[in-house]
Amino acid sequence: MENEITVLDAKERSRYEAQDADGNLMGFVDYKLHPGVITFLHAETLPDFRGHGVAGRIATKSLDDARALGLRVKPACPFYKDYLEEHTEYADLVKAPE
């Protein structure tokens, strides 16, 4: 199933979405863009797709994109806070608390 996950930035909805091979929504993370910063607000995997690595794939794509765009990351979502603690390769992206 993992190979069937496509993650896209749905800019018009301010969220990253994961879809399966048939185009079904599997999960998403809502975000808010500020000058130089992306805040991840809420991540959710739909019930039928939980346990298949969907949220991790969304996190990886969104964080890789943030790095490529030179954005700092503000993890307002508990999933992103935990993900960033576990995946220290993204530590350089995290915006210091204000």
PDB file of N, CA and C in Angstrom:
ATOM      1  N   MET A   1       0.829  -1.207   0.000  1.00  0.00           N
ATOM      2  CA  MET A   1       0.000   0.000   0.000  1.00  0.00           C
ATOM      3  C   MET A   1       0.863   1.258   0.000  1.00  0.00           C
ATOM      4  N   GLU A   2       2.022   1.222   0.628  1.00  0.00           N
ATOM      5  CA  GLU A   2       2.854   2.414   0.770  1.00  0.00           C
ATOM      6  C   GLU A   2       3.215   3.031  -0.580  1.00  0.00           C
ATOM      7  N   ASN A   3       3.454   2.208  -1.590  1.00  0.00           N
ATOM      8  CA  ASN A   3       3.816   2.717  -2.912  1.00  0.00           C
ATOM      9  C   ASN A   3       2.658   3.426  -3.592  1.00  0.00           C
ATOM     10  N   GLU A   4       1.457   3.238  -3.077  1.00  0.00           N
ATOM     11  CA  GLU A   4       0.276   3.828  -3.692  1.00  0.00           C
ATOM     12  C   GLU A   4      -0.081   5.185  -3.088  1.00  0.00           C
ATOM     13  N   ILE A   5       0.768   5.712  -2.221  1.00  0.00           N
ATOM     14  CA  ILE A   5       0.480   6.992  -1.570  1.00  0.00           C
ATOM     15  C   ILE A   5       1.148   8.120  -2.344  1.00  0.00           C
ATOM     16  N   THR A   6       0.329   9.094  -2.751  1.00  0.00           N
ATOM     17  CA  THR A   6       0.836  10.296  -3.402  1.00  0.00           C
ATOM     18  C   THR A   6       0.503  11.471  -2.495  1.00  0.00           C
ATOM     19  N   VAL A   7       1.488  12.314  -2.237  1.00  0.00           N
ATOM     20  CA  VAL A   7       1.271  13.485  -1.383  1.00  0.00           C
ATOM     21  C   VAL A   7       1.438  14.742  -2.224  1.00  0.00           C
ATOM     22  N   LEU A   8       0.420  15.590  -2.190  1.00  0.00           N
ATOM     23  CA  LEU A   8       0.407  16.825  -2.966  1.00  0.00           C
ATOM     24  C   LEU A   8       0.117  18.017  -2.072  1.00  0.00           C
ATOM     25  N   ASP A   9       0.663  19.163  -2.433  1.00  0.00           N
ATOM     26  CA  ASP A   9       0.349  20.410  -1.745  1.00  0.00           C
ATOM     27  C   ASP A   9      -0.889  20.997  -2.406  1.00  0.00           C
ATOM     28  N   ALA A  10      -2.013  20.917  -1.727  1.00  0.00           N
ATOM     29  CA  ALA A  10      -3.268  21.492  -2.221  1.00  0.00           C
ATOM     30  C   ALA A  10      -3.316  22.942  -1.748  1.00  0.00           C
ATOM     31  N   LYS A  11      -2.555  23.793  -2.424  1.00  0.00           N
ATOM     32  CA  LYS A  11      -2.390  25.188  -1.996  1.00  0.00           C
ATOM     33  C   LYS A  11      -3.712  25.929  -1.858  1.00  0.00           C
ATOM     34  N   GLU A  12      -4.663  25.629  -2.736  1.00  0.00           N
ATOM     35  CA  GLU A  12      -5.954  26.317  -2.683  1.00  0.00           C
ATOM     36  C   GLU A  12      -6.721  26.009  -1.401  1.00  0.00           C
ATOM     37  N   ARG A  13      -6.362  24.908  -0.721  1.00  0.00           N
ATOM     38  CA  ARG A  13      -6.995  24.539   0.549  1.00  0.00           C
ATOM     39  C   ARG A  13      -6.023  24.687   1.720  1.00  0.00           C
ATOM     40  N   SER A  14      -4.811  25.165   1.456  1.00  0.00           N
ATOM     41  CA  SER A  14      -3.774  25.326   2.486  1.00  0.00           C
ATOM     42  C   SER A  14      -3.566  24.034   3.264  1.00  0.00           C
ATOM     43  N   ARG A  15      -3.374  22.953   2.510  1.00  0.00           N
ATOM     44  CA  ARG A  15      -3.089  21.686   3.166  1.00  0.00           C
ATOM     45  C   ARG A  15      -2.380  20.728   2.218  1.00  0.00           C
ATOM     46  N   TYR A  16      -1.621  19.833   2.814  1.00  0.00           N
ATOM     47  CA  TYR A  16      -1.026  18.725   2.082  1.00  0.00           C
ATOM     48  C   TYR A  16      -2.000  17.566   2.172  1.00  0.00           C
ATOM     49  N   GLU A  17      -2.202  16.879   1.063  1.00  0.00           N
ATOM     50  CA  GLU A  17      -3.137  15.759   1.020  1.00  0.00           C
ATOM     51  C   GLU A  17      -2.439  14.509   0.510  1.00  0.00           C
ATOM     52  N   ALA A  18      -2.760  13.378   1.127  1.00  0.00           N
ATOM     53  CA  ALA A  18      -2.297  12.082   0.653  1.00  0.00           C
ATOM     54  C   ALA A  18      -3.467  11.405  -0.043  1.00  0.00           C
ATOM     55  N   GLN A  19      -3.180  10.845  -1.216  1.00  0.00           N
ATOM     56  CA  GLN A  19      -4.197  10.134  -1.986  1.00  0.00           C
ATOM     57  C   GLN A  19      -3.677   8.759  -2.359  1.00  0.00           C
ATOM     58  N   ASP A  20      -4.607   7.807  -2.495  1.00  0.00           N
ATOM     59  CA  ASP A  20      -4.210   6.487  -2.955  1.00  0.00           C
ATOM     60  C   ASP A  20      -4.209   6.474  -4.485  1.00  0.00           C
ATOM     61  N   ALA A  21      -3.929   5.327  -5.082  1.00  0.00           N
ATOM     62  CA  ALA A  21      -3.808   5.208  -6.533  1.00  0.00           C
ATOM     63  C   ALA A  21      -5.108   5.576  -7.252  1.00  0.00           C
ATOM     64  N   ASP A  22      -6.240   5.462  -6.558  1.00  0.00           N
ATOM     65  CA  ASP A  22      -7.535   5.800  -7.160  1.00  0.00           C
ATOM     66  C   ASP A  22      -7.941   7.251  -6.916  1.00  0.00           C
ATOM     67  N   GLY A  23      -7.074   8.016  -6.258  1.00  0.00           N
ATOM     68  CA  GLY A  23      -7.377   9.421  -5.989  1.00  0.00           C
ATOM     69  C   GLY A  23      -8.193   9.657  -4.741  1.00  0.00           C
ATOM     70  N   ASN A  24      -8.380   8.616  -3.925  1.00  0.00           N
ATOM     71  CA  ASN A  24      -9.129   8.771  -2.676  1.00  0.00           C
ATOM     72  C   ASN A  24      -8.268   9.474  -1.635  1.00  0.00           C
ATOM     73  N   LEU A  25      -8.871  10.411  -0.919  1.00  0.00           N
ATOM     74  CA  LEU A  25      -8.175  11.108   0.159  1.00  0.00           C
ATOM     75  C   LEU A  25      -7.879  10.139   1.291  1.00  0.00           C
ATOM     76  N   MET A  26      -6.604  10.072   1.689  1.00  0.00           N
ATOM     77  CA  MET A  26      -6.180   9.177   2.760  1.00  0.00           C
ATOM     78  C   MET A  26      -5.898   9.938   4.053  1.00  0.00           C
ATOM     79  N   GLY A  27      -5.435  11.165   3.910  1.00  0.00           N
ATOM     80  CA  GLY A  27      -5.102  11.972   5.067  1.00  0.00           C
ATOM     81  C   GLY A  27      -4.641  13.339   4.611  1.00  0.00           C
ATOM     82  N   PHE A  28      -4.419  14.233   5.589  1.00  0.00           N
ATOM     83  CA  PHE A  28      -4.036  15.601   5.255  1.00  0.00           C
ATOM     84  C   PHE A  28      -3.413  16.285   6.453  1.00  0.00           C
ATOM     85  N   VAL A  29      -2.746  17.394   6.180  1.00  0.00           N
ATOM     86  CA  VAL A  29      -2.315  18.306   7.240  1.00  0.00           C
ATOM     87  C   VAL A  29      -2.648  19.718   6.772  1.00  0.00           C
ATOM     88  N   ASP A  30      -3.358  20.452   7.615  1.00  0.00           N
ATOM     89  CA  ASP A  30      -3.664  21.854   7.339  1.00  0.00           C
ATOM     90  C   ASP A  30      -2.468  22.699   7.754  1.00  0.00           C
ATOM     91  N   TYR A  31      -2.213  23.751   6.982  1.00  0.00           N
ATOM     92  CA  TYR A  31      -1.107  24.640   7.325  1.00  0.00           C
ATOM     93  C   TYR A  31      -1.487  26.088   7.105  1.00  0.00           C
ATOM     94  N   LYS A  32      -0.696  26.960   7.708  1.00  0.00           N
ATOM     95  CA  LYS A  32      -0.845  28.406   7.536  1.00  0.00           C
ATOM     96  C   LYS A  32       0.523  28.949   7.156  1.00  0.00           C
ATOM     97  N   LEU A  33       0.573  29.696   6.074  1.00  0.00           N
ATOM     98  CA  LEU A  33       1.829  30.312   5.645  1.00  0.00           C
ATOM     99  C   LEU A  33       1.924  31.728   6.176  1.00  0.00           C
ATOM    100  N   HIS A  34       3.077  32.049   6.725  1.00  0.00           N
ATOM    101  CA  HIS A  34       3.427  33.394   7.165  1.00  0.00           C
ATOM    102  C   HIS A  34       4.736  33.724   6.460  1.00  0.00           C
ATOM    103  N   PRO A  35       5.137  34.956   6.393  1.00  0.00           N
ATOM    104  CA  PRO A  35       6.418  35.267   5.744  1.00  0.00           C
ATOM    105  C   PRO A  35       7.574  34.452   6.363  1.00  0.00           C
ATOM    106  N   GLY A  36       8.134  33.558   5.581  1.00  0.00           N
ATOM    107  CA  GLY A  36       9.277  32.758   6.007  1.00  0.00           C
ATOM    108  C   GLY A  36       8.974  31.592   6.922  1.00  0.00           C
ATOM    109  N   VAL A  37       7.688  31.382   7.261  1.00  0.00           N
ATOM    110  CA  VAL A  37       7.321  30.331   8.225  1.00  0.00           C
ATOM    111  C   VAL A  37       6.075  29.591   7.743  1.00  0.00           C
ATOM    112  N   ILE A  38       6.101  28.272   7.928  1.00  0.00           N
ATOM    113  CA  ILE A  38       4.889  27.474   7.711  1.00  0.00           C
ATOM    114  C   ILE A  38       4.512  26.846   9.044  1.00  0.00           C
ATOM    115  N   THR A  39       3.259  27.030   9.439  1.00  0.00           N
ATOM    116  CA  THR A  39       2.748  26.456  10.683  1.00  0.00           C
ATOM    117  C   THR A  39       1.853  25.281  10.326  1.00  0.00           C
ATOM    118  N   PHE A  40       2.182  24.101  10.848  1.00  0.00           N
ATOM    119  CA  PHE A  40       1.348  22.920  10.633  1.00  0.00           C
ATOM    120  C   PHE A  40       0.336  22.857  11.763  1.00  0.00           C
ATOM    121  N   LEU A  41      -0.946  22.959  11.396  1.00  0.00           N
ATOM    122  CA  LEU A  41      -2.021  23.148  12.358  1.00  0.00           C
ATOM    123  C   LEU A  41      -2.689  21.866  12.828  1.00  0.00           C
ATOM    124  N   HIS A  42      -3.022  20.976  11.876  1.00  0.00           N
ATOM    125  CA  HIS A  42      -3.795  19.791  12.227  1.00  0.00           C
ATOM    126  C   HIS A  42      -3.535  18.705  11.196  1.00  0.00           C
ATOM    127  N   ALA A  43      -3.073  17.551  11.650  1.00  0.00           N
ATOM    128  CA  ALA A  43      -2.854  16.398  10.781  1.00  0.00           C
ATOM    129  C   ALA A  43      -3.889  15.331  11.103  1.00  0.00           C
ATOM    130  N   GLU A  44      -4.379  14.691  10.051  1.00  0.00           N
ATOM    131  CA  GLU A  44      -5.379  13.644  10.248  1.00  0.00           C
ATOM    132  C   GLU A  44      -5.237  12.589   9.164  1.00  0.00           C
ATOM    133  N   THR A  45      -5.291  11.334   9.590  1.00  0.00           N
ATOM    134  CA  THR A  45      -5.367  10.215   8.655  1.00  0.00           C
ATOM    135  C   THR A  45      -6.780   9.664   8.760  1.00  0.00           C
ATOM    136  N   LEU A  46      -7.429   9.468   7.623  1.00  0.00           N
ATOM    137  CA  LEU A  46      -8.790   8.946   7.647  1.00  0.00           C
ATOM    138  C   LEU A  46      -8.776   7.512   8.181  1.00  0.00           C
ATOM    139  N   PRO A  47      -9.825   7.118   8.911  1.00  0.00           N
ATOM    140  CA  PRO A  47      -9.826   5.835   9.619  1.00  0.00           C
ATOM    141  C   PRO A  47      -9.432   4.617   8.772  1.00  0.00           C
ATOM    142  N   ASP A  48      -9.895   4.518   7.556  1.00  0.00           N
ATOM    143  CA  ASP A  48      -9.599   3.350   6.723  1.00  0.00           C
ATOM    144  C   ASP A  48      -8.128   3.225   6.356  1.00  0.00           C
ATOM    145  N   PHE A  49      -7.362   4.291   6.531  1.00  0.00           N
ATOM    146  CA  PHE A  49      -5.971   4.296   6.086  1.00  0.00           C
ATOM    147  C   PHE A  49      -4.961   4.378   7.236  1.00  0.00           C
ATOM    148  N   ARG A  50      -5.429   4.352   8.465  1.00  0.00           N
ATOM    149  CA  ARG A  50      -4.523   4.444   9.606  1.00  0.00           C
ATOM    150  C   ARG A  50      -3.649   3.193   9.690  1.00  0.00           C
ATOM    151  N   GLY A  51      -2.418   3.406  10.146  1.00  0.00           N
ATOM    152  CA  GLY A  51      -1.503   2.288  10.310  1.00  0.00           C
ATOM    153  C   GLY A  51      -0.737   1.908   9.056  1.00  0.00           C
ATOM    154  N   HIS A  52      -0.812   2.740   8.021  1.00  0.00           N
ATOM    155  CA  HIS A  52      -0.133   2.447   6.754  1.00  0.00           C
ATOM    156  C   HIS A  52       0.945   3.466   6.419  1.00  0.00           C
ATOM    157  N   GLY A  53       1.320   4.297   7.381  1.00  0.00           N
ATOM    158  CA  GLY A  53       2.387   5.264   7.143  1.00  0.00           C
ATOM    159  C   GLY A  53       1.973   6.523   6.417  1.00  0.00           C
ATOM    160  N   VAL A  54       0.677   6.771   6.329  1.00  0.00           N
ATOM    161  CA  VAL A  54       0.172   7.939   5.590  1.00  0.00           C
ATOM    162  C   VAL A  54       0.659   9.238   6.215  1.00  0.00           C
ATOM    163  N   ALA A  55       0.492   9.383   7.514  1.00  0.00           N
ATOM    164  CA  ALA A  55       0.880  10.629   8.185  1.00  0.00           C
ATOM    165  C   ALA A  55       2.378  10.885   8.046  1.00  0.00           C
ATOM    166  N   GLY A  56       3.171   9.849   8.155  1.00  0.00           N
ATOM    167  CA  GLY A  56       4.614   9.998   7.989  1.00  0.00           C
ATOM    168  C   GLY A  56       4.993  10.453   6.598  1.00  0.00           C
ATOM    169  N   ARG A  57       4.299   9.936   5.595  1.00  0.00           N
ATOM    170  CA  ARG A  57       4.582  10.350   4.216  1.00  0.00           C
ATOM    171  C   ARG A  57       4.207  11.816   4.007  1.00  0.00           C
ATOM    172  N   ILE A  58       3.086  12.238   4.596  1.00  0.00           N
ATOM    173  CA  ILE A  58       2.678  13.639   4.499  1.00  0.00           C
ATOM    174  C   ILE A  58       3.722  14.522   5.191  1.00  0.00           C
ATOM    175  N   ALA A  59       4.140  14.125   6.378  1.00  0.00           N
ATOM    176  CA  ALA A  59       5.123  14.914   7.127  1.00  0.00           C
ATOM    177  C   ALA A  59       6.423  15.038   6.347  1.00  0.00           C
ATOM    178  N   THR A  60       6.920  13.943   5.806  1.00  0.00           N
ATOM    179  CA  THR A  60       8.173  13.973   5.053  1.00  0.00           C
ATOM    180  C   THR A  60       8.083  14.908   3.861  1.00  0.00           C
ATOM    181  N   LYS A  61       7.027  14.794   3.084  1.00  0.00           N
ATOM    182  CA  LYS A  61       6.858  15.649   1.896  1.00  0.00           C
ATOM    183  C   LYS A  61       6.751  17.117   2.291  1.00  0.00           C
ATOM    184  N   SER A  62       5.929  17.413   3.295  1.00  0.00           N
ATOM    185  CA  SER A  62       5.716  18.811   3.685  1.00  0.00           C
ATOM    186  C   SER A  62       6.990  19.420   4.274  1.00  0.00           C
ATOM    187  N   LEU A  63       7.732  18.655   5.039  1.00  0.00           N
ATOM    188  CA  LEU A  63       8.970  19.169   5.627  1.00  0.00           C
ATOM    189  C   LEU A  63      10.074  19.308   4.574  1.00  0.00           C
ATOM    190  N   ASP A  64      10.140  18.373   3.645  1.00  0.00           N
ATOM    191  CA  ASP A  64      11.101  18.498   2.538  1.00  0.00           C
ATOM    192  C   ASP A  64      10.793  19.735   1.699  1.00  0.00           C
ATOM    193  N   ASP A  65       9.509  19.979   1.457  1.00  0.00           N
ATOM    194  CA  ASP A  65       9.108  21.174   0.705  1.00  0.00           C
ATOM    195  C   ASP A  65       9.472  22.444   1.474  1.00  0.00           C
ATOM    196  N   ALA A  66       9.230  22.440   2.778  1.00  0.00           N
ATOM    197  CA  ALA A  66       9.571  23.612   3.600  1.00  0.00           C
ATOM    198  C   ALA A  66      11.060  23.905   3.487  1.00  0.00           C
ATOM    199  N   ARG A  67      11.875  22.866   3.557  1.00  0.00           N
ATOM    200  CA  ARG A  67      13.325  23.039   3.441  1.00  0.00           C
ATOM    201  C   ARG A  67      13.679  23.613   2.068  1.00  0.00           C
ATOM    202  N   ALA A  68      13.099  23.055   1.011  1.00  0.00           N
ATOM    203  CA  ALA A  68      13.400  23.500  -0.352  1.00  0.00           C
ATOM    204  C   ALA A  68      13.001  24.958  -0.575  1.00  0.00           C
ATOM    205  N   LEU A  69      11.951  25.400   0.120  1.00  0.00           N
ATOM    206  CA  LEU A  69      11.465  26.775  -0.026  1.00  0.00           C
ATOM    207  C   LEU A  69      12.123  27.736   0.971  1.00  0.00           C
ATOM    208  N   GLY A  70      12.986  27.219   1.833  1.00  0.00           N
ATOM    209  CA  GLY A  70      13.665  28.062   2.813  1.00  0.00           C
ATOM    210  C   GLY A  70      12.763  28.529   3.935  1.00  0.00           C
ATOM    211  N   LEU A  71      11.723  27.739   4.246  1.00  0.00           N
ATOM    212  CA  LEU A  71      10.784  28.108   5.306  1.00  0.00           C
ATOM    213  C   LEU A  71      11.192  27.506   6.638  1.00  0.00           C
ATOM    214  N   ARG A  72      10.939  28.247   7.706  1.00  0.00           N
ATOM    215  CA  ARG A  72      11.051  27.703   9.052  1.00  0.00           C
ATOM    216  C   ARG A  72       9.728  27.002   9.346  1.00  0.00           C
ATOM    217  N   VAL A  73       9.752  26.057  10.270  1.00  0.00           N
ATOM    218  CA  VAL A  73       8.572  25.258  10.592  1.00  0.00           C
ATOM    219  C   VAL A  73       8.131  25.541  12.022  1.00  0.00           C
ATOM    220  N   LYS A  74       6.842  25.762  12.181  1.00  0.00           N
ATOM    221  CA  LYS A  74       6.245  25.907  13.505  1.00  0.00           C
ATOM    222  C   LYS A  74       5.239  24.762  13.666  1.00  0.00           C
ATOM    223  N   PRO A  75       5.565  23.775  14.486  1.00  0.00           N
ATOM    224  CA  PRO A  75       4.661  22.633  14.661  1.00  0.00           C
ATOM    225  C   PRO A  75       3.603  22.893  15.725  1.00  0.00           C
ATOM    226  N   ALA A  76       2.418  23.334  15.317  1.00  0.00           N
ATOM    227  CA  ALA A  76       1.329  23.576  16.267  1.00  0.00           C
ATOM    228  C   ALA A  76       0.510  22.304  16.506  1.00  0.00           C
ATOM    229  N   CYS A  77       0.725  21.314  15.680  1.00  0.00           N
ATOM    230  CA  CYS A  77      -0.009  20.049  15.735  1.00  0.00           C
ATOM    231  C   CYS A  77       0.782  19.026  16.552  1.00  0.00           C
ATOM    232  N   PRO A  78       0.138  18.306  17.467  1.00  0.00           N
ATOM    233  CA  PRO A  78       0.848  17.316  18.279  1.00  0.00           C
ATOM    234  C   PRO A  78       1.596  16.273  17.437  1.00  0.00           C
ATOM    235  N   PHE A  79       0.997  15.831  16.334  1.00  0.00           N
ATOM    236  CA  PHE A  79       1.688  14.844  15.498  1.00  0.00           C
ATOM    237  C   PHE A  79       3.002  15.400  14.980  1.00  0.00           C
ATOM    238  N   TYR A  80       2.993  16.642  14.492  1.00  0.00           N
ATOM    239  CA  TYR A  80       4.227  17.238  13.966  1.00  0.00           C
ATOM    240  C   TYR A  80       5.261  17.466  15.062  1.00  0.00           C
ATOM    241  N   LYS A  81       4.811  17.846  16.255  1.00  0.00           N
ATOM    242  CA  LYS A  81       5.747  18.003  17.374  1.00  0.00           C
ATOM    243  C   LYS A  81       6.460  16.681  17.643  1.00  0.00           C
ATOM    244  N   ASP A  82       5.695  15.596  17.722  1.00  0.00           N
ATOM    245  CA  ASP A  82       6.274  14.277  17.970  1.00  0.00           C
ATOM    246  C   ASP A  82       7.151  13.833  16.809  1.00  0.00           C
ATOM    247  N   TYR A  83       6.696  14.043  15.593  1.00  0.00           N
ATOM    248  CA  TYR A  83       7.453  13.639  14.409  1.00  0.00           C
ATOM    249  C   TYR A  83       8.808  14.339  14.375  1.00  0.00           C
ATOM    250  N   LEU A  84       8.804  15.626  14.656  1.00  0.00           N
ATOM    251  CA  LEU A  84      10.054  16.391  14.629  1.00  0.00           C
ATOM    252  C   LEU A  84      11.001  15.986  15.755  1.00  0.00           C
ATOM    253  N   GLU A  85      10.468  15.579  16.886  1.00  0.00           N
ATOM    254  CA  GLU A  85      11.322  15.087  17.969  1.00  0.00           C
ATOM    255  C   GLU A  85      11.998  13.780  17.577  1.00  0.00           C
ATOM    256  N   GLU A  86      11.270  12.919  16.875  1.00  0.00           N
ATOM    257  CA  GLU A  86      11.807  11.618  16.454  1.00  0.00           C
ATOM    258  C   GLU A  86      12.719  11.724  15.237  1.00  0.00           C
ATOM    259  N   HIS A  87      12.463  12.671  14.363  1.00  0.00           N
ATOM    260  CA  HIS A  87      13.211  12.801  13.105  1.00  0.00           C
ATOM    261  C   HIS A  87      14.089  14.046  13.175  1.00  0.00           C
ATOM    262  N   THR A  88      15.203  13.885  13.848  1.00  0.00           N
ATOM    263  CA  THR A  88      16.094  15.014  14.121  1.00  0.00           C
ATOM    264  C   THR A  88      16.740  15.585  12.856  1.00  0.00           C
ATOM    265  N   GLU A  89      16.632  14.877  11.736  1.00  0.00           N
ATOM    266  CA  GLU A  89      17.167  15.422  10.487  1.00  0.00           C
ATOM    267  C   GLU A  89      16.430  16.693  10.052  1.00  0.00           C
ATOM    268  N   TYR A  90      15.279  16.961  10.671  1.00  0.00           N
ATOM    269  CA  TYR A  90      14.513  18.173  10.375  1.00  0.00           C
ATOM    270  C   TYR A  90      14.647  19.229  11.453  1.00  0.00           C
ATOM    271  N   ALA A  91      15.475  19.004  12.443  1.00  0.00           N
ATOM    272  CA  ALA A  91      15.599  19.923  13.590  1.00  0.00           C
ATOM    273  C   ALA A  91      15.977  21.340  13.165  1.00  0.00           C
ATOM    274  N   ASP A  92      16.759  21.455  12.107  1.00  0.00           N
ATOM    275  CA  ASP A  92      17.195  22.778  11.646  1.00  0.00           C
ATOM    276  C   ASP A  92      16.045  23.638  11.121  1.00  0.00           C
ATOM    277  N   LEU A  93      14.911  23.021  10.828  1.00  0.00           N
ATOM    278  CA  LEU A  93      13.765  23.756  10.285  1.00  0.00           C
ATOM    279  C   LEU A  93      12.885  24.382  11.360  1.00  0.00           C
ATOM    280  N   VAL A  94      12.979  23.879  12.574  1.00  0.00           N
ATOM    281  CA  VAL A  94      12.032  24.262  13.615  1.00  0.00           C
ATOM    282  C   VAL A  94      12.267  25.683  14.070  1.00  0.00           C
ATOM    283  N   LYS A  95      11.186  26.454  14.028  1.00  0.00           N
ATOM    284  CA  LYS A  95      11.217  27.846  14.467  1.00  0.00           C
ATOM    285  C   LYS A  95      11.241  27.876  15.980  1.00  0.00           C
ATOM    286  N   ALA A  96      12.148  28.640  16.539  1.00  0.00           N
ATOM    287  CA  ALA A  96      12.241  28.760  17.995  1.00  0.00           C
ATOM    288  C   ALA A  96      10.963  29.368  18.539  1.00  0.00           C
ATOM    289  N   PRO A  97      10.484  28.886  19.707  1.00  0.00           N
ATOM    290  CA  PRO A  97       9.280  29.470  20.314  1.00  0.00           C
ATOM    291  C   PRO A  97       9.479  30.949  20.612  1.00  0.00           C
ATOM    292  N   GLU A  98       8.395  31.693  20.466  1.00  0.00           N
ATOM    293  CA  GLU A  98       8.471  33.156  20.688  1.00  0.00           C
ATOM    294  C   GLU A  98       8.052  33.504  22.089  1.00  0.00           C
TER     295      GLU A  98
END
